[in-house]
């Protein structure tokens, strides 16, 4: 049974950095596609980045060049390194997993494609 638990959120000043982690349990978890989403009250849940097919990655245009997604397979742990944080990055960040090594075209940023979700970790960036 796959379970996901996020950690690493906090409050930082604009320009600062945070590293989020998602601890996954379950034998097959490292073979799944895994993503980070974020959500602000009143806004739709937004895909931030995905890692799939044992290391391929895609990042949303809004975070490209600032955020990096990675996975420590030996620890079944997903990470999101966030640099040069801006107030618009504020939100609850969720870890998600899909039971497929590769996302169908146009699906990685759609929440409905993912089967497993963590409870989220709060990120607040002040100006």
Protein backbone atom coordinates (compact mmCIF):
# COMPACT_ATOMS: atom_id res chain seq x y z
CA UNK A 1 0.00 0.00 0.00
CA UNK A 2 1.47 3.35 -1.06
CA UNK A 3 1.50 6.18 1.49
CA UNK A 4 2.96 9.66 1.02
CA UNK A 5 4.04 12.07 3.77
CA UNK A 6 5.33 15.58 2.98
CA UNK A 7 7.68 17.67 5.11
CA UNK A 8 9.98 20.69 4.84
CA UNK A 9 7.52 23.53 4.46
CA UNK A 10 7.91 26.81 6.31
CA UNK A 11 7.93 30.59 6.13
CA UNK A 12 10.71 32.43 4.29
CA UNK A 13 11.52 35.83 2.86
CA UNK A 14 11.42 36.44 -0.89
CA UNK A 15 14.64 35.21 -2.47
CA UNK A 16 15.07 32.44 0.08
CA UNK A 17 15.09 28.67 -0.37
CA UNK A 18 13.29 25.61 0.95
CA UNK A 19 13.59 21.90 0.27
CA UNK A 20 10.44 19.83 0.47
CA UNK A 21 10.50 16.08 0.98
CA UNK A 22 7.94 13.35 0.41
CA UNK A 23 8.50 10.01 2.11
CA UNK A 24 6.86 7.18 0.19
CA UNK A 25 6.16 3.73 1.55
CA UNK A 26 5.28 0.67 -0.49
CA UNK A 27 7.38 -1.72 -2.54
CA UNK A 28 6.46 -0.31 -5.97
CA UNK A 29 6.51 3.40 -5.10
CA UNK A 30 9.89 4.09 -6.71
CA UNK A 31 8.60 2.82 -10.06
CA UNK A 32 5.72 5.31 -10.16
CA UNK A 33 5.55 8.74 -11.74
CA UNK A 34 5.63 11.29 -8.91
CA UNK A 35 4.75 14.97 -8.87
CA UNK A 36 4.46 18.08 -6.75
CA UNK A 37 1.29 20.18 -6.86
CA UNK A 38 0.45 23.38 -5.03
CA UNK A 39 -2.78 25.10 -4.12
CA UNK A 40 -3.81 28.50 -2.76
CA UNK A 41 -7.33 29.01 -1.37
CA UNK A 42 -9.62 30.08 -4.19
CA UNK A 43 -7.34 28.77 -6.93
CA UNK A 44 -7.15 25.48 -8.83
CA UNK A 45 -4.55 22.94 -7.79
CA UNK A 46 -1.49 23.53 -9.99
CA UNK A 47 1.07 21.00 -11.20
CA UNK A 48 4.59 22.15 -10.27
CA UNK A 49 6.89 19.37 -11.45
CA UNK A 50 7.01 15.64 -12.25
CA UNK A 51 9.70 12.98 -12.25
CA UNK A 52 9.08 9.83 -14.25
CA UNK A 53 10.70 6.98 -16.20
CA UNK A 54 13.53 6.69 -13.67
CA UNK A 55 14.64 10.30 -13.82
CA UNK A 56 13.00 12.30 -16.61
CA UNK A 57 11.54 15.60 -15.36
CA UNK A 58 9.12 18.32 -16.40
CA UNK A 59 8.65 21.64 -14.58
CA UNK A 60 5.88 24.18 -14.93
CA UNK A 61 6.91 27.37 -16.73
CA UNK A 62 6.23 29.39 -13.58
CA UNK A 63 8.99 27.61 -11.64
CA UNK A 64 11.41 26.55 -14.38
CA UNK A 65 14.97 27.53 -13.53
CA UNK A 66 14.15 27.99 -9.84
CA UNK A 67 12.77 24.61 -8.69
CA UNK A 68 14.31 21.17 -9.11
CA UNK A 69 12.54 17.84 -8.57
CA UNK A 70 14.57 14.76 -7.68
CA UNK A 71 14.19 11.35 -6.09
CA UNK A 72 16.35 9.27 -3.76
CA UNK A 73 15.33 5.79 -4.85
CA UNK A 74 17.16 3.98 -2.07
CA UNK A 75 15.12 5.92 0.51
CA UNK A 76 11.86 6.09 -1.49
CA UNK A 77 11.96 9.85 -0.97
CA UNK A 78 10.93 12.61 -3.38
CA UNK A 79 12.36 16.13 -3.09
CA UNK A 80 11.58 19.59 -4.40
CA UNK A 81 14.41 22.10 -4.08
CA UNK A 82 12.93 25.60 -4.27
CA UNK A 83 15.27 28.54 -4.82
CA UNK A 84 14.63 32.25 -5.42
CA UNK A 85 11.21 31.94 -3.82
CA UNK A 86 8.63 34.60 -4.58
CA UNK A 87 5.36 35.53 -2.83
CA UNK A 88 3.38 33.89 -5.65
CA UNK A 89 4.95 30.55 -4.67
CA UNK A 90 2.95 30.61 -1.43
CA UNK A 91 0.54 27.72 -0.98
CA UNK A 92 0.08 24.18 0.25
CA UNK A 93 2.36 21.78 -1.57
CA UNK A 94 1.21 18.21 -2.18
CA UNK A 95 3.07 15.09 -3.23
CA UNK A 96 1.24 12.84 -5.71
CA UNK A 97 1.94 9.46 -7.30
CA UNK A 98 0.53 7.68 -10.35
CA UNK A 99 0.78 3.96 -11.07
CA UNK A 100 2.48 4.48 -14.41
CA UNK A 101 6.12 5.09 -15.30
CA UNK A 102 5.21 7.56 -18.03
CA UNK A 103 2.41 10.15 -18.17
CA UNK A 104 0.09 10.17 -21.17
CA UNK A 105 0.33 13.34 -23.24
CA UNK A 106 -1.12 16.32 -21.41
CA UNK A 107 -1.79 14.42 -18.17
CA UNK A 108 1.07 15.16 -15.77
CA UNK A 109 -0.39 18.48 -14.60
CA UNK A 110 -3.92 17.12 -14.16
CA UNK A 111 -4.70 16.10 -10.58
CA UNK A 112 -7.25 13.49 -11.70
CA UNK A 113 -4.51 11.32 -13.23
CA UNK A 114 -2.85 10.64 -9.84
CA UNK A 115 -3.93 7.83 -7.56
CA UNK A 116 -2.14 8.68 -4.31
CA UNK A 117 -1.80 11.98 -2.43
CA UNK A 118 -0.09 13.23 0.68
CA UNK A 119 -1.67 15.62 3.19
CA UNK A 120 0.37 18.64 2.11
CA UNK A 121 2.93 20.99 3.65
CA UNK A 122 2.53 24.76 3.91
CA UNK A 123 4.92 27.17 2.17
CA UNK A 124 4.67 30.90 2.88
CA UNK A 125 6.87 33.47 1.14
CA UNK A 126 6.76 37.05 2.38
CA UNK A 127 7.93 40.17 0.57
